[in-house]
């Protein structure tokens, strides 16, 4: 419980008023960025948090998951749900934001298509704030390298 509360407090402080969280390219302060985040550590977090069970990342070589994949959702190939850095944070910390017919349509397993809940677990329970910052840095780099419209919102 304490770890989850600390995580939420860090996220809240970074998003709201911290000068370190503001994006320098956004003078109005409508977007934010975490202070720091290491791409290689984010790639490791992607594996250790078992994101590889359902996700691959365009143009990034990752380890194979242990056992069968639950889904085959490629990230950073097209801007389906994620169009900005902030969208990455939301997608990781609140996967229910994408519970739509479009989400259901991309599920590869026919028996999963009837589910209205995302299969992605609540990572805020086990993920550290450092892992979140690193994971977002890793995915942000992948999206910037793979999508021309990413980050323009």
Foldseek 3Di string as FASTA:
>chain_A
DVQLVVLVVVVVVLQPDDPQFADPVDVVRPGGAHNDAAQVLLLVLCVVVPVLLAEDEPPDDHDHGPDHRQHYHYALQDPDQAQELVSLLCCLQPVLVPQDLVVLVRGPDVVCSVDSGDPDDRCSVPDGNRNSNHNSVNRVVSNVVRPPRHHPD
